[in-house]
N, C-alpha and C. Protein backbone atom coordinates (compact mmCIF):
# COMPACT_ATOMS: atom_id res chain seq x y z
N MET A 1 56.05 100.62 145.38
CA MET A 1 56.86 100.93 144.19
C MET A 1 57.19 99.34 143.54
N ALA A 2 57.01 98.28 144.11
CA ALA A 2 57.13 97.35 143.11
C ALA A 2 56.36 96.83 142.24
N VAL A 3 54.99 97.36 142.50
CA VAL A 3 54.07 97.52 141.69
C VAL A 3 54.20 98.10 140.06
N PHE A 4 54.64 99.72 140.63
CA PHE A 4 55.02 100.24 139.36
C PHE A 4 56.42 99.71 138.59
N MET A 5 57.28 99.17 139.04
CA MET A 5 58.45 98.79 138.78
C MET A 5 57.97 97.24 137.59
N GLY A 6 57.03 96.43 138.34
CA GLY A 6 55.99 95.42 137.78
C GLY A 6 55.65 96.10 136.40
N LEU A 7 55.27 97.13 136.83
CA LEU A 7 54.15 98.00 135.59
C LEU A 7 55.45 97.88 134.35
N ILE A 8 56.34 98.75 134.30
CA ILE A 8 57.06 99.40 133.89
C ILE A 8 58.47 98.82 132.73
N ILE A 9 58.22 97.30 133.58
CA ILE A 9 59.53 96.39 132.98
C ILE A 9 59.13 95.92 131.53
N PRO A 10 60.40 95.55 130.92
CA PRO A 10 60.13 95.17 129.59
C PRO A 10 59.97 93.69 129.34
N LEU A 11 58.43 93.62 129.07
CA LEU A 11 58.15 92.46 128.75
C LEU A 11 57.78 92.28 127.21
N PRO A 12 57.72 90.93 126.31
CA PRO A 12 57.44 90.87 124.88
C PRO A 12 55.94 90.92 124.66
N PHE A 13 55.52 91.70 123.82
CA PHE A 13 53.92 91.91 123.81
C PHE A 13 53.59 90.89 124.22
N THR A 14 53.44 89.79 124.05
CA THR A 14 52.18 88.75 124.07
C THR A 14 52.20 88.46 125.40
N VAL A 15 53.85 88.05 126.41
CA VAL A 15 53.45 87.89 127.80
C VAL A 15 53.11 89.36 128.48
N LYS A 16 53.02 90.71 127.91
CA LYS A 16 52.22 91.82 128.58
C LYS A 16 50.83 91.31 128.32
N ARG A 17 50.09 91.24 127.17
CA ARG A 17 49.07 91.17 126.68
C ARG A 17 48.27 90.08 127.86
N LYS A 18 48.65 89.19 127.93
CA LYS A 18 48.50 87.86 128.96
C LYS A 18 48.43 88.31 130.37
N LEU A 19 49.47 89.50 130.75
CA LEU A 19 49.48 89.53 132.06
C LEU A 19 48.72 90.34 132.35
N PHE A 20 48.10 91.25 131.41
CA PHE A 20 46.98 92.69 131.62
C PHE A 20 45.73 92.20 131.06
N THR A 21 45.62 91.19 130.66
CA THR A 21 44.38 90.89 130.47
C THR A 21 44.11 89.97 132.01
N PHE A 22 44.81 89.10 132.40
CA PHE A 22 44.84 88.52 133.74
C PHE A 22 44.54 89.43 134.60
N ILE A 23 45.21 90.96 135.03
CA ILE A 23 44.94 91.97 135.77
C ILE A 23 43.39 92.30 135.48
N SER A 24 43.03 92.71 134.54
CA SER A 24 42.05 93.36 134.52
C SER A 24 40.50 92.55 134.50
N GLU A 25 40.95 91.22 134.39
CA GLU A 25 39.86 90.08 133.90
C GLU A 25 39.93 89.37 135.20
N SER A 26 40.79 89.18 135.97
CA SER A 26 40.62 88.30 137.46
C SER A 26 39.95 88.80 138.76
N PRO A 27 38.81 88.07 138.91
CA PRO A 27 38.10 88.83 140.05
C PRO A 27 39.23 89.11 141.51
N ILE A 28 40.22 88.01 141.47
CA ILE A 28 40.72 88.41 142.70
C ILE A 28 41.75 90.00 142.90
N VAL A 29 42.22 90.15 141.54
CA VAL A 29 42.84 91.28 141.68
C VAL A 29 41.76 92.65 141.56
N ALA A 30 39.99 92.39 141.13
CA ALA A 30 39.68 93.38 141.13
C ALA A 30 39.06 93.75 142.73
N LYS A 31 39.51 92.50 144.00
CA LYS A 31 38.73 92.91 145.00
C LYS A 31 40.14 92.92 145.81
N LEU A 32 41.28 92.82 144.96
CA LEU A 32 42.85 93.49 145.84
C LEU A 32 42.25 95.18 145.32
N GLN A 33 42.28 95.49 144.31
CA GLN A 33 41.69 96.42 143.67
C GLN A 33 41.19 97.74 144.60
N TYR A 34 39.91 96.62 145.16
CA TYR A 34 38.84 97.42 145.06
C TYR A 34 39.05 97.63 147.28
N GLY A 35 40.51 97.07 147.69
CA GLY A 35 40.72 97.45 148.72
C GLY A 35 41.64 98.17 148.95
N LEU A 36 42.36 98.29 147.81
CA LEU A 36 43.59 98.88 147.18
C LEU A 36 42.90 100.94 147.55
N LYS A 37 41.95 100.99 146.81
CA LYS A 37 40.53 101.90 147.02
C LYS A 37 39.88 102.59 148.21
N ILE A 38 39.95 101.67 148.92
CA ILE A 38 39.27 102.13 150.33
C ILE A 38 40.76 102.49 150.76
N THR A 39 41.92 101.79 150.85
CA THR A 39 42.98 102.03 151.97
C THR A 39 43.73 103.40 150.74
N PHE A 40 43.24 103.69 150.08
CA PHE A 40 43.59 104.65 149.11
C PHE A 40 42.76 106.38 149.94
N ILE A 41 41.97 105.96 150.39
CA ILE A 41 40.66 107.04 150.76
C ILE A 41 41.15 107.37 151.85
N PHE A 42 41.31 106.33 153.58
CA PHE A 42 42.13 106.16 154.42
C PHE A 42 43.15 107.45 154.41
N ILE A 43 44.19 106.67 153.20
CA ILE A 43 45.69 107.54 153.36
C ILE A 43 45.23 108.95 153.19
N LEU A 44 43.84 109.10 152.31
CA LEU A 44 43.68 110.64 152.01
C LEU A 44 42.99 111.41 153.15
N ILE A 45 42.24 110.55 154.28
CA ILE A 45 41.59 111.27 155.40
C ILE A 45 43.09 111.57 156.36
N LEU A 46 44.10 110.57 155.81
CA LEU A 46 45.01 110.92 157.27
C LEU A 46 46.05 112.22 156.94
N PHE A 47 46.00 112.24 155.36
CA PHE A 47 46.88 112.72 155.11
C PHE A 47 45.95 114.56 155.10
N ILE A 48 44.44 114.82 155.45
CA ILE A 48 44.09 115.95 155.41
C ILE A 48 44.40 115.79 157.22
N ASP A 49 44.00 114.96 157.93
CA ASP A 49 44.41 114.83 159.22
C ASP A 49 46.01 115.74 159.90
N SER A 50 47.07 114.88 158.89
CA SER A 50 48.51 115.14 159.32
C SER A 50 48.42 116.81 158.72
N VAL A 51 47.84 117.54 157.60
CA VAL A 51 48.30 119.05 157.37
C VAL A 51 47.29 119.88 158.64
N ASN A 52 46.25 119.24 158.85
CA ASN A 52 45.48 120.06 160.61
C ASN A 52 46.48 120.13 161.18
N ARG A 53 47.09 118.82 161.78
CA ARG A 53 48.09 118.52 162.37
C ARG A 53 49.34 119.80 162.17
N VAL A 54 49.68 120.04 161.17
CA VAL A 54 51.00 120.66 160.88
C VAL A 54 50.74 121.82 160.92
N TYR A 55 49.31 122.49 160.87
CA TYR A 55 48.89 123.74 161.05
C TYR A 55 49.17 124.24 162.44
N ARG A 56 48.32 122.94 163.09
CA ARG A 56 47.93 123.06 164.73
C ARG A 56 49.49 123.62 165.55
N VAL A 57 50.67 122.40 164.86
CA VAL A 57 51.94 122.51 165.36
C VAL A 57 52.63 124.20 165.18
N GLN A 58 52.41 124.47 163.85
CA GLN A 58 52.62 125.54 163.63
C GLN A 58 52.32 126.78 164.74
N LEU A 59 51.27 126.87 164.92
CA LEU A 59 50.27 127.60 165.66
C LEU A 59 51.01 127.58 166.74
N GLU A 60 51.24 126.19 167.58
CA GLU A 60 52.04 126.31 168.69
C GLU A 60 53.38 127.25 168.66
N VAL A 61 54.02 126.81 167.83
CA VAL A 61 55.99 126.91 167.26
C VAL A 61 55.78 128.57 167.51
N ALA A 62 54.69 129.38 166.68
CA ALA A 62 54.68 130.72 166.57
C ALA A 62 54.14 131.36 167.86
N ALA A 63 53.50 130.60 169.36
CA ALA A 63 53.46 130.68 170.16
C ALA A 63 54.37 130.29 170.77
N PHE A 64 54.96 129.91 171.43
CA PHE A 64 56.05 129.14 171.95
C PHE A 64 57.21 130.36 171.69
N HIS A 65 57.27 130.95 170.46
CA HIS A 65 58.36 131.53 170.40
C HIS A 65 58.33 133.41 170.91
N LYS A 66 56.81 133.41 170.42
CA LYS A 66 56.12 134.63 171.18
C LYS A 66 55.91 134.64 172.73
N GLU A 67 56.32 133.86 173.33
CA GLU A 67 56.34 133.67 175.06
C GLU A 67 57.96 134.08 174.70
N ALA A 68 58.51 132.99 174.18
CA ALA A 68 59.98 133.41 174.33
C ALA A 68 60.80 134.56 174.27
N GLY A 69 60.15 135.42 173.10
CA GLY A 69 60.74 136.57 173.36
C GLY A 69 59.87 137.89 174.40
N MET A 70 59.05 137.18 175.14
CA MET A 70 58.17 138.42 176.07
C MET A 70 59.49 137.75 177.31
N GLY A 71 60.29 137.19 177.31
CA GLY A 71 61.04 137.35 178.29
C GLY A 71 60.91 136.28 179.57
N ALA A 72 60.32 135.18 178.84
CA ALA A 72 59.61 133.82 179.56
C ALA A 72 60.10 132.82 179.95
N ALA A 73 60.79 132.30 180.72
CA ALA A 73 61.51 131.06 180.81
C ALA A 73 61.19 129.96 179.75
N THR A 74 62.69 129.51 179.31
CA THR A 74 61.99 128.27 178.21
C THR A 74 62.66 127.54 178.91
N ILE A 75 61.82 125.85 178.70
CA ILE A 75 62.24 124.95 179.13
C ILE A 75 62.70 123.97 178.29
N GLY A 76 64.04 123.56 178.37
CA GLY A 76 64.39 122.82 176.59
C GLY A 76 63.96 122.07 176.42
N THR A 77 62.87 120.67 177.72
CA THR A 77 61.96 119.53 177.02
C THR A 77 60.80 120.15 176.60
N ASP A 78 60.33 121.41 176.95
CA ASP A 78 59.05 121.73 176.63
C ASP A 78 59.10 122.53 174.36
N ARG A 79 60.27 122.73 174.45
CA ARG A 79 60.82 123.13 173.32
C ARG A 79 61.05 121.92 172.11
N MET A 80 61.87 121.60 172.99
CA MET A 80 61.98 120.06 172.34
C MET A 80 60.78 119.19 171.87
N GLU A 81 59.58 119.19 172.27
CA GLU A 81 58.43 118.40 172.53
C GLU A 81 57.92 119.11 171.29
N VAL A 82 57.45 120.24 171.41
CA VAL A 82 57.29 121.18 170.66
C VAL A 82 57.96 121.03 169.07
N GLN A 83 58.77 121.21 168.84
CA GLN A 83 59.52 120.24 167.79
C GLN A 83 59.33 118.76 167.40
N ALA A 84 60.13 118.25 168.26
CA ALA A 84 59.71 116.67 167.73
C ALA A 84 58.05 116.50 167.54
N ARG A 85 57.22 117.09 168.19
CA ARG A 85 55.94 116.89 167.51
C ARG A 85 55.65 117.89 166.01
N LYS A 86 56.02 119.01 165.33
CA LYS A 86 56.35 118.86 164.39
C LYS A 86 56.78 118.46 163.26
N PHE A 87 58.27 118.22 163.93
CA PHE A 87 58.85 116.67 162.74
C PHE A 87 58.21 115.74 162.26
N TYR A 88 57.09 114.92 163.23
CA TYR A 88 56.19 113.88 163.31
C TYR A 88 54.97 114.49 162.72
N SER A 89 54.42 115.37 162.50
CA SER A 89 53.45 115.42 162.00
C SER A 89 53.89 115.91 160.37
N GLN A 90 54.95 116.73 160.25
CA GLN A 90 55.27 117.08 158.93
C GLN A 90 55.20 115.87 158.66
N ARG A 91 56.44 114.67 159.00
CA ARG A 91 56.54 113.47 158.48
C ARG A 91 55.62 112.91 157.79
N ASN A 92 54.45 112.98 158.76
CA ASN A 92 53.23 112.30 158.13
C ASN A 92 52.48 113.05 157.07
N MET A 93 52.49 114.06 156.60
CA MET A 93 52.32 114.69 156.20
C MET A 93 52.78 114.85 154.67
N TYR A 94 53.91 114.31 154.62
CA TYR A 94 54.62 113.85 153.41
C TYR A 94 54.72 112.83 152.84
N LEU A 95 54.62 112.25 153.86
CA LEU A 95 54.35 110.20 153.35
C LEU A 95 53.22 110.13 152.70
N CYS A 96 52.26 110.67 153.92
CA CYS A 96 50.21 110.13 152.97
C CYS A 96 50.53 111.14 151.55
N GLY A 97 51.21 112.11 151.61
CA GLY A 97 50.86 113.14 150.06
C GLY A 97 51.71 112.47 149.27
N PHE A 98 52.59 111.57 149.65
CA PHE A 98 53.38 110.90 148.38
C PHE A 98 52.79 109.50 148.26
N THR A 99 52.39 108.99 149.15
CA THR A 99 51.45 107.85 148.88
C THR A 99 50.53 108.19 147.79
N LEU A 100 49.55 109.12 148.30
CA LEU A 100 48.31 109.56 147.69
C LEU A 100 49.24 109.97 145.76
N PHE A 101 50.29 110.79 145.84
CA PHE A 101 50.52 111.01 144.48
C PHE A 101 51.16 109.88 143.61
N LEU A 102 52.09 109.19 144.62
CA LEU A 102 52.25 107.03 144.08
C LEU A 102 50.56 106.80 143.20
N SER A 103 50.42 106.71 144.07
CA SER A 103 48.73 106.10 143.84
C SER A 103 48.29 106.42 142.27
N LEU A 104 48.36 107.75 142.48
CA LEU A 104 47.66 108.33 141.34
C LEU A 104 48.49 107.79 139.41
N ILE A 105 50.21 107.76 140.15
CA ILE A 105 50.72 108.21 138.94
C ILE A 105 50.71 106.44 138.42
N LEU A 106 50.85 105.36 139.78
CA LEU A 106 50.09 103.99 139.15
C LEU A 106 49.09 103.92 138.71
N ASN A 107 47.61 104.24 138.89
CA ASN A 107 46.62 104.59 138.09
C ASN A 107 46.95 104.56 136.53
N ARG A 108 47.44 105.65 136.65
CA ARG A 108 47.50 106.97 135.07
C ARG A 108 48.44 105.87 134.33
N THR A 109 49.95 105.31 135.25
CA THR A 109 50.54 104.17 134.51
C THR A 109 49.83 103.37 134.02
N TYR A 110 49.05 102.46 134.02
CA TYR A 110 48.18 101.01 134.46
C TYR A 110 47.56 101.53 133.37
N THR A 111 46.36 102.92 133.33
CA THR A 111 45.72 103.07 132.15
C THR A 111 45.95 103.14 131.07
N MET A 112 47.52 104.00 130.84
CA MET A 112 48.43 104.26 129.50
C MET A 112 48.81 103.10 128.88
N ILE A 113 49.01 101.98 130.09
CA ILE A 113 49.76 101.19 129.51
C ILE A 113 48.99 99.89 128.98
N LEU A 114 47.52 99.96 129.22
CA LEU A 114 46.84 99.09 128.98
C LEU A 114 46.36 100.04 127.58
N GLU A 115 46.45 101.25 126.75
CA GLU A 115 46.12 101.83 125.80
C GLU A 115 47.00 101.76 124.73
N VAL A 116 48.26 101.80 125.27
CA VAL A 116 49.43 101.19 124.57
C VAL A 116 49.06 99.64 124.21
N LEU A 117 48.91 98.51 124.58
CA LEU A 117 48.84 97.73 124.41
C LEU A 117 47.49 97.41 123.68
N ARG A 118 46.49 98.20 123.56
CA ARG A 118 45.26 97.81 122.98
C ARG A 118 45.88 98.37 121.47
N LEU A 119 46.14 99.40 121.20
CA LEU A 119 46.79 100.09 119.91
C LEU A 119 47.74 99.30 119.54
N GLU A 120 48.70 98.67 120.10
CA GLU A 120 49.51 97.74 119.51
C GLU A 120 49.04 96.61 118.89
N GLU A 121 48.05 96.17 119.32
CA GLU A 121 47.40 95.12 119.34
C GLU A 121 46.67 95.20 117.69
N ARG A 122 45.77 96.59 117.61
CA ARG A 122 45.20 97.53 116.43
C ARG A 122 45.98 97.44 115.39
N VAL A 123 47.37 97.84 115.74
CA VAL A 123 48.73 97.69 114.94
C VAL A 123 48.95 96.75 114.22
N LYS A 124 48.73 95.28 114.89
CA LYS A 124 49.02 94.52 114.42
C LYS A 124 48.34 93.51 113.22
N LEU A 125 47.04 93.97 114.55
CA LEU A 125 45.86 93.26 112.89
C LEU A 125 45.91 94.22 111.67
N PHE A 126 46.35 95.54 111.88
CA PHE A 126 45.96 96.31 110.33
C PHE A 126 47.53 95.85 109.83
N GLU A 127 48.35 95.07 110.22
CA GLU A 127 49.45 95.00 109.24
C GLU A 127 49.21 93.42 108.99
N GLY A 128 48.12 92.90 109.30
CA GLY A 128 47.74 91.49 108.46
C GLY A 128 48.58 90.37 109.56
N ASP A 129 48.75 90.37 111.42
CA ASP A 129 49.62 89.58 111.90
C ASP A 129 48.70 88.56 112.30
N LYS A 130 48.34 87.57 111.57
CA LYS A 130 47.20 86.74 112.62
C LYS A 130 47.19 86.25 113.94
N LYS A 131 48.84 86.21 114.59
CA LYS A 131 49.15 85.99 115.92
C LYS A 131 48.14 87.13 116.47
N ALA A 132 47.91 88.09 116.36
CA ALA A 132 47.53 89.50 117.19
C ALA A 132 46.12 89.01 117.71
N GLY A 133 45.38 87.62 117.09
CA GLY A 133 43.75 87.41 118.39
C GLY A 133 42.99 88.55 117.06
N GLY A 134 41.48 88.69 117.60
CA GLY A 134 40.54 89.27 117.22
C GLY A 134 39.72 88.50 116.15
N LYS A 135 38.79 89.49 116.35
CA LYS A 135 37.85 88.36 115.28
C LYS A 135 37.85 88.84 113.67
N ASP A 136 38.54 89.70 113.58
CA ASP A 136 38.58 90.13 112.04
C ASP A 136 40.23 89.79 111.49
N SER A 137 40.75 89.46 112.42
CA SER A 137 42.57 89.08 111.69
C SER A 137 42.69 88.71 110.79
N ALA A 138 41.58 86.99 110.28
CA ALA A 138 41.59 86.33 109.06
C ALA A 138 41.48 87.64 108.03
N ARG A 139 40.54 88.32 108.20
CA ARG A 139 39.66 89.14 107.10
C ARG A 139 40.72 89.85 106.77
N LEU A 140 41.63 90.51 107.64
CA LEU A 140 42.30 91.83 108.04
C LEU A 140 43.64 91.18 106.91
N ALA A 141 43.98 90.02 107.88
CA ALA A 141 45.61 89.19 106.74
C ALA A 141 44.94 89.10 105.65
N GLN A 142 44.08 88.68 105.28
CA GLN A 142 43.50 88.19 103.72
C GLN A 142 43.22 89.66 102.96
N ALA A 143 43.13 90.58 103.46
CA ALA A 143 42.82 92.20 102.88
C ALA A 143 44.05 92.28 103.12
N GLY A 144 44.81 92.22 103.76
CA GLY A 144 46.27 92.93 103.56
C GLY A 144 47.34 92.10 102.32
N ASP A 145 46.71 90.88 101.81
CA ASP A 145 47.75 90.09 101.40
C ASP A 145 48.51 91.12 99.70
N MET A 146 48.95 90.92 99.83
CA MET A 146 50.00 91.88 98.39
C MET A 146 49.27 91.52 97.10
N GLY A 147 48.81 90.10 96.81
CA GLY A 147 48.10 89.41 95.88
C GLY A 147 46.74 90.39 96.16
N GLU A 148 46.17 89.98 96.56
CA GLU A 148 44.73 90.67 96.55
C GLU A 148 44.62 92.23 96.46
N ILE A 149 45.44 93.12 96.65
CA ILE A 149 45.81 94.23 96.60
C ILE A 149 46.51 94.78 95.00
N GLY A 150 46.87 93.74 94.76
CA GLY A 150 47.45 93.67 93.42
C GLY A 150 46.27 93.82 92.38
N ARG A 151 45.43 92.93 92.63
CA ARG A 151 44.56 92.27 92.10
C ARG A 151 42.88 93.52 91.91
N LEU A 152 42.97 94.03 93.13
CA LEU A 152 42.21 95.00 93.38
C LEU A 152 42.54 96.56 92.38
N LYS A 153 44.38 96.68 92.68
CA LYS A 153 44.80 98.04 91.72
C LYS A 153 44.04 97.20 90.15
N ASN A 154 44.14 96.62 89.49
CA ASN A 154 44.10 95.96 88.67
C ASN A 154 42.53 96.23 88.02
N GLU A 155 42.11 95.99 88.86
CA GLU A 155 40.43 96.09 88.95
C GLU A 155 40.26 97.77 88.38
N LEU A 156 40.86 98.23 89.40
CA LEU A 156 40.91 99.71 89.70
C LEU A 156 40.93 100.43 88.42
N GLU A 157 42.24 100.13 87.80
CA GLU A 157 42.56 100.16 86.73
C GLU A 157 41.60 100.16 85.71
N ALA A 158 41.13 99.42 85.03
CA ALA A 158 40.71 98.72 84.33
C ALA A 158 38.70 99.64 84.34
N LYS A 159 38.59 99.61 85.52
CA LYS A 159 37.52 100.44 86.07
C LYS A 159 37.53 101.88 85.00
N ASN A 160 38.54 102.25 85.78
CA ASN A 160 38.76 104.07 85.08
C ASN A 160 39.29 104.23 83.92
N ARG A 161 39.73 102.71 82.85
CA ARG A 161 39.63 102.80 81.51
C ARG A 161 37.94 103.06 80.80
N ASP A 162 37.95 101.94 81.48
CA ASP A 162 35.97 101.63 81.14
C ASP A 162 35.49 103.15 81.38
N ILE A 163 35.48 103.56 82.44
CA ILE A 163 35.45 105.42 82.60
C ILE A 163 35.17 106.37 81.52
N GLU A 164 36.91 105.81 81.41
CA GLU A 164 37.21 107.08 79.90
C GLU A 164 36.65 106.81 78.71
N THR A 165 36.93 105.62 78.41
CA THR A 165 36.07 105.29 77.22
C THR A 165 34.76 105.56 77.51
N LEU A 166 33.73 105.57 77.59
CA LEU A 166 32.65 106.21 78.20
C LEU A 166 32.19 107.54 78.13
N LYS A 167 33.27 108.42 78.67
CA LYS A 167 33.14 109.22 78.47
C LYS A 167 33.77 110.27 76.83
N LYS A 168 34.64 109.28 76.28
CA LYS A 168 34.95 109.68 74.95
C LYS A 168 33.93 109.28 74.29
N GLN A 169 33.24 108.07 74.30
CA GLN A 169 31.69 107.77 73.46
C GLN A 169 31.29 109.19 73.59
N CYS A 170 30.83 109.30 75.21
CA CYS A 170 29.76 110.73 75.33
C CYS A 170 30.11 111.66 74.33
N GLU A 171 31.01 112.11 74.75
CA GLU A 171 31.38 113.55 73.92
C GLU A 171 30.82 113.46 72.39
N GLY A 172 31.63 111.93 71.61
CA GLY A 172 31.50 111.99 70.37
C GLY A 172 29.89 112.11 70.06
N LEU A 173 29.31 111.44 70.68
CA LEU A 173 27.46 111.47 70.84
C LEU A 173 26.87 112.85 70.75
N THR A 174 27.44 113.67 71.82
CA THR A 174 27.03 115.03 71.80
C THR A 174 27.27 115.85 70.95
N ARG A 175 28.71 115.63 70.23
CA ARG A 175 28.80 116.36 68.82
C ARG A 175 28.05 116.08 67.91
N GLU A 176 27.87 115.12 67.42
CA GLU A 176 26.59 114.43 66.74
C GLU A 176 25.53 114.70 66.62
N TYR A 177 24.90 114.58 68.08
CA TYR A 177 23.72 115.16 67.65
C TYR A 177 23.57 116.68 67.67
N HIS A 178 24.74 117.89 68.14
CA HIS A 178 24.44 118.76 67.84
C HIS A 178 24.41 119.31 66.83
N SER A 179 25.29 118.27 65.57
CA SER A 179 25.56 118.76 64.25
C SER A 179 24.11 118.24 63.66
N LEU A 180 23.68 117.47 64.18
CA LEU A 180 22.76 116.82 63.35
C LEU A 180 21.31 117.61 63.79
N GLY A 181 21.92 118.44 64.96
CA GLY A 181 20.16 119.19 65.01
C GLY A 181 20.62 120.48 64.82
N ASP A 182 21.55 121.11 64.55
CA ASP A 182 22.11 122.13 63.56
C ASP A 182 21.42 122.01 61.95
N LYS A 183 21.90 121.25 61.37
CA LYS A 183 21.14 120.58 60.16
C LYS A 183 20.21 120.28 60.21
N VAL A 184 19.26 120.01 60.98
CA VAL A 184 17.91 119.62 61.32
C VAL A 184 16.60 120.97 61.18
N SER A 185 17.43 122.09 62.21
CA SER A 185 16.76 123.70 62.30
C SER A 185 17.23 124.35 61.06
N GLY A 186 18.46 123.87 60.80
CA GLY A 186 18.42 125.04 59.24
C GLY A 186 17.88 124.00 58.24
N LYS A 187 17.95 123.78 58.30
CA LYS A 187 16.66 122.70 56.92
C LYS A 187 15.34 123.83 57.33
N ALA A 188 15.37 123.22 58.44
CA ALA A 188 13.38 123.73 58.85
C ALA A 188 13.90 126.00 58.64
N ASN A 189 14.80 126.21 59.11
CA ASN A 189 14.46 127.24 58.86
C ASN A 189 14.83 127.53 57.15
N ASP A 190 15.34 127.03 56.53
CA ASP A 190 16.28 127.86 55.06
C ASP A 190 14.49 127.29 54.57
N GLY A 191 13.80 126.43 55.01
CA GLY A 191 12.24 125.62 53.58
C GLY A 191 11.34 126.93 53.44
N PRO A 192 11.09 127.69 54.87
CA PRO A 192 10.35 128.82 54.40
C PRO A 192 10.59 129.82 53.89
N LYS A 193 11.85 130.42 54.12
CA LYS A 193 12.30 131.28 53.15
C LYS A 193 12.68 131.01 51.54
N LYS A 194 12.86 129.65 51.59
CA LYS A 194 12.80 129.80 49.80
C LYS A 194 11.22 129.49 49.63
N ASP A 195 10.58 129.51 50.05
CA ASP A 195 9.06 129.53 49.86
C ASP A 195 8.50 131.14 49.84
N LEU A 196 8.91 131.62 50.37
CA LEU A 196 8.42 133.35 49.96
C LEU A 196 9.00 133.54 48.82
């Protein structure tokens, strides 16, 4: 629970990034994580054993009630012993189950926080924050400069005007070409008709 609270406590971005970088890159923490994985494997084995014990105790309780129903004399200590074993086996099953569930929650929370940190860093890079780090932060910050964006927009508008001018010239040349073609073909067709 302390680790989980440490994961979800609100911290500034830079502190949280340094903390999680330390956690993910430290060899000591890697050994601790490996030890925790082995521990949770043992807890899984204990959980399976406790489920098996709960099942066996339930069978004993059912057999005990069957004997009591047939009129056999029931001794209070035997009944209390069976009930105590049932309680302990159920307690162990719940504790192991909740511990395994908590381990899954911790693992998922840790990966989600790492993903959020990675996405926050990318957002800061795209917004032009030079403190965010990374290889391309200076280039992205320069590209995100308002003067640079305005200059690129002006260049784009100039190129679009040039394209429109070229389109108009092309249309005029095409019309002229077709009219000249019609004149030449008309003279060629008129010439032989006059000779006849």
